[in-house]
Amino acid sequence: MLVEKGKALDNFYIPTRYANGHPEGAPFEHYGRLQSEGAIQYAGEILEFVRVQMA
């Protein structure tokens, strides 16, 4: 399941990092609270998994 969450996060990389990542509009116009909260949750879960594995 963490791999799937990583794939979901991967979809945010280019379009949110580069201003021309979307054909029209600024990146902030394409994402809302739901996507942001989901990405933060997924990233936290992945980081927690890595911390446990490295301990």
Protein backbone atom coordinates (compact mmCIF):
# COMPACT_ATOMS: atom_id res chain seq x y z
CA MET A 1 0.00 0.00 0.00
CA LEU A 2 2.90 2.38 0.64
CA VAL A 3 4.03 1.95 -2.96
CA GLU A 4 0.60 3.10 -4.15
CA LYS A 5 0.79 6.10 -1.84
CA GLY A 6 4.22 6.90 -3.23
CA LYS A 7 2.79 6.77 -6.74
CA ALA A 8 0.06 9.21 -5.71
CA LEU A 9 2.69 11.59 -4.35
CA ASP A 10 4.75 11.21 -7.52
CA ASN A 11 1.87 12.68 -9.51
CA PHE A 12 2.31 15.97 -7.65
CA TYR A 13 6.04 16.38 -8.30
CA ILE A 14 6.34 17.99 -11.76
CA PRO A 15 3.05 19.88 -11.95
CA THR A 16 3.46 21.53 -8.55
CA ARG A 17 7.16 22.26 -8.88
CA TYR A 18 7.18 23.94 -12.27
CA ALA A 19 4.99 26.86 -13.25
CA ASN A 20 4.38 25.38 -16.71
CA GLY A 21 3.49 21.95 -15.35
CA HIS A 22 -0.15 22.57 -16.25
CA PRO A 23 -1.33 23.73 -19.67
CA GLU A 24 -3.23 26.58 -18.06
CA GLY A 25 -3.14 28.42 -14.74
CA ALA A 26 -0.80 28.41 -11.77
CA PRO A 27 -0.21 25.19 -9.81
CA PHE A 28 -2.09 26.49 -6.76
CA GLU A 29 -5.24 26.75 -8.88
CA HIS A 30 -5.25 23.00 -9.56
CA TYR A 31 -5.00 21.64 -6.02
CA GLY A 32 -7.11 22.14 -2.95
CA ARG A 33 -7.26 21.23 0.69
CA LEU A 34 -8.25 17.61 0.02
CA GLN A 35 -5.24 16.91 -2.18
CA SER A 36 -2.89 18.74 0.18
CA GLU A 37 -4.07 16.91 3.28
CA GLY A 38 -3.92 13.55 1.50
CA ALA A 39 -0.38 14.20 0.28
CA ILE A 40 0.78 15.24 3.74
CA GLN A 41 -0.78 12.14 5.27
CA TYR A 42 0.79 9.81 2.68
CA ALA A 43 4.20 11.43 3.09
CA GLY A 44 3.96 11.07 6.86
CA GLU A 45 3.09 7.39 6.60
CA ILE A 46 6.02 6.75 4.27
CA LEU A 47 8.42 8.64 6.52
CA GLU A 48 7.22 6.73 9.57
CA PHE A 49 7.77 3.42 7.76
CA VAL A 50 11.31 4.46 6.82
CA ARG A 51 12.09 5.61 10.37
CA VAL A 52 10.95 2.27 11.80
CA GLN A 53 12.97 0.33 9.24
CA MET A 54 16.12 2.37 9.90
CA ALA A 55 15.86 2.09 13.70
